[in-house]
Amino acid sequence: MRIPPLGSCIARSLCQSVIQFNGVMQMRATLFMIPLIALAACQDDGGDGDSPDLATNDACGASGWHSLIGEHLDILAVTIFRAPMRVIGPNDAVTMDYNPQRLNVIYGDDDIITRVECG
């Protein structure tokens, strides 16, 4: 029976230990990264996810019509609008489609304009 030289046994043993150690470290690193990736996927993007952000979207020019708020509904009869527009009362049925170019004028029970927004 041939006995391998002592140096080759030590080298082989050392190589096997290094390979096993690297495999364990890779597994630990992978197990450590999985929760971090899952946590990053849960990050809040700042929106509510239900509708477009009406506060920052002014495609219809609603900010220029805020002077109508507090006025009586009759003022709309003498006002010229260049964009599509709809007037919405307290019990009016409206479509739920969102049109960023359309100006919505919302009034209350007393026919006073309460909001002006795009949609």
C-alpha atoms as a PDB file:
ATOM      1  CA  MET A   1       0.000   0.000   0.000  1.00  0.00           C
ATOM      2  CA  ARG A   2       1.310   3.340  -1.001  1.00  0.00           C
ATOM      3  CA  ILE A   3       1.218   6.186   1.539  1.00  0.00           C
ATOM      4  CA  PRO A   4       0.679   9.623   0.027  1.00  0.00           C
ATOM      5  CA  PRO A   5       3.114  12.311   1.015  1.00  0.00           C
ATOM      6  CA  LEU A   6       2.144  14.216   4.158  1.00  0.00           C
ATOM      7  CA  GLY A   7       1.978  17.579   2.375  1.00  0.00           C
ATOM      8  CA  SER A   8      -0.620  16.411  -0.127  1.00  0.00           C
ATOM      9  CA  CYS A   9      -2.911  15.086   2.647  1.00  0.00           C
ATOM     10  CA  ILE A  10      -2.733  18.354   4.519  1.00  0.00           C
ATOM     11  CA  ALA A  11      -3.326  20.327   1.343  1.00  0.00           C
ATOM     12  CA  ARG A  12      -6.290  18.127   0.351  1.00  0.00           C
ATOM     13  CA  SER A  13      -7.798  18.360   3.824  1.00  0.00           C
ATOM     14  CA  LEU A  14      -7.290  22.108   3.897  1.00  0.00           C
ATOM     15  CA  CYS A  15      -8.890  22.521   0.455  1.00  0.00           C
ATOM     16  CA  GLN A  16     -11.926  20.479   1.493  1.00  0.00           C
ATOM     17  CA  SER A  17     -12.302  22.597   4.635  1.00  0.00           C
ATOM     18  CA  VAL A  18     -12.114  25.803   2.614  1.00  0.00           C
ATOM     19  CA  ILE A  19     -14.711  24.509   0.135  1.00  0.00           C
ATOM     20  CA  GLN A  20     -17.063  23.524   2.967  1.00  0.00           C
ATOM     21  CA  PHE A  21     -16.521  26.877   4.710  1.00  0.00           C
ATOM     22  CA  ASN A  22     -17.235  28.818   1.496  1.00  0.00           C
ATOM     23  CA  GLY A  23     -20.432  26.824   0.931  1.00  0.00           C
ATOM     24  CA  VAL A  24     -21.666  27.563   4.453  1.00  0.00           C
ATOM     25  CA  MET A  25     -20.816  31.257   4.102  1.00  0.00           C
ATOM     26  CA  GLN A  26     -22.636  31.467   0.771  1.00  0.00           C
ATOM     27  CA  MET A  27     -25.701  29.860   2.333  1.00  0.00           C
ATOM     28  CA  ARG A  28     -25.587  32.254   5.295  1.00  0.00           C
ATOM     29  CA  ALA A  29     -25.217  35.239   2.979  1.00  0.00           C
ATOM     30  CA  THR A  30     -28.164  34.046   0.889  1.00  0.00           C
ATOM     31  CA  LEU A  31     -30.323  33.478   3.955  1.00  0.00           C
ATOM     32  CA  PHE A  32     -29.381  36.936   5.209  1.00  0.00           C
ATOM     33  CA  MET A  33     -30.282  38.621   1.906  1.00  0.00           C
ATOM     34  CA  ILE A  34     -33.742  37.067   1.454  1.00  0.00           C
ATOM     35  CA  PRO A  35     -35.410  39.058   4.285  1.00  0.00           C
ATOM     36  CA  LEU A  36     -33.650  42.245   3.158  1.00  0.00           C
ATOM     37  CA  ILE A  37     -34.990  41.877  -0.368  1.00  0.00           C
ATOM     38  CA  ALA A  38     -38.482  41.146   0.955  1.00  0.00           C
ATOM     39  CA  LEU A  39     -38.295  44.176   3.236  1.00  0.00           C
ATOM     40  CA  ALA A  40     -37.212  46.420   0.362  1.00  0.00           C
ATOM     41  CA  ALA A  41     -40.230  45.255  -1.648  1.00  0.00           C
ATOM     42  CA  CYS A  42     -42.504  46.501   1.145  1.00  0.00           C
ATOM     43  CA  GLN A  43     -41.155  50.050   0.976  1.00  0.00           C
ATOM     44  CA  ASP A  44     -43.827  52.766   0.757  1.00  0.00           C
ATOM     45  CA  ASP A  45     -43.788  54.681  -2.515  1.00  0.00           C
ATOM     46  CA  GLY A  46     -45.593  57.658  -1.003  1.00  0.00           C
ATOM     47  CA  GLY A  47     -48.889  57.183  -2.830  1.00  0.00           C
ATOM     48  CA  ASP A  48     -52.093  55.559  -1.651  1.00  0.00           C
ATOM     49  CA  GLY A  49     -52.325  53.412  -4.773  1.00  0.00           C
ATOM     50  CA  ASP A  50     -56.050  54.081  -5.259  1.00  0.00           C
ATOM     51  CA  SER A  51     -56.113  57.147  -7.474  1.00  0.00           C
ATOM     52  CA  PRO A  52     -53.835  59.649  -9.184  1.00  0.00           C
ATOM     53  CA  ASP A  53     -52.291  62.275  -6.962  1.00  0.00           C
ATOM     54  CA  LEU A  54     -54.750  65.157  -7.381  1.00  0.00           C
ATOM     55  CA  ALA A  55     -52.708  67.565  -5.282  1.00  0.00           C
ATOM     56  CA  THR A  56     -49.787  67.638  -7.709  1.00  0.00           C
ATOM     57  CA  ASN A  57     -51.686  67.138 -10.977  1.00  0.00           C
ATOM     58  CA  ASP A  58     -52.929  70.432 -12.429  1.00  0.00           C
ATOM     59  CA  ALA A  59     -53.262  69.466 -16.101  1.00  0.00           C
ATOM     60  CA  CYS A  60     -56.685  71.136 -16.318  1.00  0.00           C
ATOM     61  CA  GLY A  61     -55.546  74.398 -14.702  1.00  0.00           C
ATOM     62  CA  ALA A  62     -57.666  74.012 -11.555  1.00  0.00           C
ATOM     63  CA  SER A  63     -55.289  76.173  -9.536  1.00  0.00           C
ATOM     64  CA  GLY A  64     -56.284  79.131 -11.712  1.00  0.00           C
ATOM     65  CA  TRP A  65     -59.956  78.628 -10.842  1.00  0.00           C
ATOM     66  CA  HIS A  66     -59.673  78.499  -7.032  1.00  0.00           C
ATOM     67  CA  SER A  67     -61.133  82.007  -6.919  1.00  0.00           C
ATOM     68  CA  LEU A  68     -64.519  80.377  -7.682  1.00  0.00           C
ATOM     69  CA  ILE A  69     -64.535  78.657  -4.287  1.00  0.00           C
ATOM     70  CA  GLY A  70     -67.071  80.367  -2.043  1.00  0.00           C
ATOM     71  CA  GLU A  71     -68.939  81.911  -4.999  1.00  0.00           C
ATOM     72  CA  HIS A  72     -72.559  81.132  -5.910  1.00  0.00           C
ATOM     73  CA  LEU A  73     -73.146  78.634  -8.713  1.00  0.00           C
ATOM     74  CA  ASP A  74     -74.639  81.377 -10.939  1.00  0.00           C
ATOM     75  CA  ILE A  75     -71.138  82.720 -11.649  1.00  0.00           C
ATOM     76  CA  LEU A  76     -70.526  79.732 -13.940  1.00  0.00           C
ATOM     77  CA  ALA A  77     -73.138  81.043 -16.406  1.00  0.00           C
ATOM     78  CA  VAL A  78     -70.969  84.065 -17.225  1.00  0.00           C
ATOM     79  CA  THR A  79     -67.594  82.296 -17.068  1.00  0.00           C
ATOM     80  CA  ILE A  80     -65.837  81.014 -20.176  1.00  0.00           C
ATOM     81  CA  PHE A  81     -63.963  77.731 -19.771  1.00  0.00           C
ATOM     82  CA  ARG A  82     -61.429  76.590 -22.366  1.00  0.00           C
ATOM     83  CA  ALA A  83     -61.051  73.035 -21.051  1.00  0.00           C
ATOM     84  CA  PRO A  84     -63.658  70.293 -20.682  1.00  0.00           C
ATOM     85  CA  MET A  85     -65.626  70.944 -17.523  1.00  0.00           C
ATOM     86  CA  ARG A  86     -68.394  69.439 -15.427  1.00  0.00           C
ATOM     87  CA  VAL A  87     -70.416  70.774 -12.521  1.00  0.00           C
ATOM     88  CA  ILE A  88     -71.104  68.284  -9.735  1.00  0.00           C
ATOM     89  CA  GLY A  89     -73.774  68.759  -7.090  1.00  0.00           C
ATOM     90  CA  PRO A  90     -74.165  66.965  -3.751  1.00  0.00           C
ATOM     91  CA  ASN A  91     -76.435  64.182  -5.076  1.00  0.00           C
ATOM     92  CA  ASP A  92     -75.362  64.141  -8.723  1.00  0.00           C
ATOM     93  CA  ALA A  93     -74.410  60.872 -10.382  1.00  0.00           C
ATOM     94  CA  VAL A  94     -71.075  61.120 -12.173  1.00  0.00           C
ATOM     95  CA  THR A  95     -68.901  58.701 -14.085  1.00  0.00           C
ATOM     96  CA  MET A  96     -65.836  57.407 -12.264  1.00  0.00           C
ATOM     97  CA  ASP A  97     -63.476  57.891 -15.214  1.00  0.00           C
ATOM     98  CA  TYR A  98     -60.520  60.144 -14.499  1.00  0.00           C
ATOM     99  CA  ASN A  99     -59.748  62.760 -17.131  1.00  0.00           C
ATOM    100  CA  PRO A 100     -56.793  64.927 -16.078  1.00  0.00           C
ATOM    101  CA  GLN A 101     -57.765  67.577 -18.673  1.00  0.00           C
ATOM    102  CA  ARG A 102     -61.307  68.023 -17.278  1.00  0.00           C
ATOM    103  CA  LEU A 103     -62.137  70.674 -14.677  1.00  0.00           C
ATOM    104  CA  ASN A 104     -64.594  69.576 -11.979  1.00  0.00           C
ATOM    105  CA  VAL A 105     -66.521  72.274 -10.128  1.00  0.00           C
ATOM    106  CA  ILE A 106     -68.178  70.848  -7.005  1.00  0.00           C
ATOM    107  CA  TYR A 107     -70.880  72.715  -5.100  1.00  0.00           C
ATOM    108  CA  GLY A 108     -72.812  72.078  -1.892  1.00  0.00           C
ATOM    109  CA  ASP A 109     -76.495  72.075  -0.876  1.00  0.00           C
ATOM    110  CA  ASP A 110     -76.550  75.884  -0.737  1.00  0.00           C
ATOM    111  CA  ASP A 111     -75.305  76.187  -4.366  1.00  0.00           C
ATOM    112  CA  ILE A 112     -71.957  77.560  -3.177  1.00  0.00           C
ATOM    113  CA  ILE A 113     -68.850  76.217  -4.945  1.00  0.00           C
ATOM    114  CA  THR A 114     -66.780  74.201  -2.467  1.00  0.00           C
ATOM    115  CA  ARG A 115     -64.033  72.638  -4.616  1.00  0.00           C
ATOM    116  CA  VAL A 116     -62.367  73.014  -7.997  1.00  0.00           C
ATOM    117  CA  GLU A 117     -60.184  70.120  -9.148  1.00  0.00           C
ATOM    118  CA  CYS A 118     -59.026  68.155 -12.164  1.00  0.00           C
ATOM    119  CA  GLY A 119     -60.624  64.858 -13.006  1.00  0.00           C
END
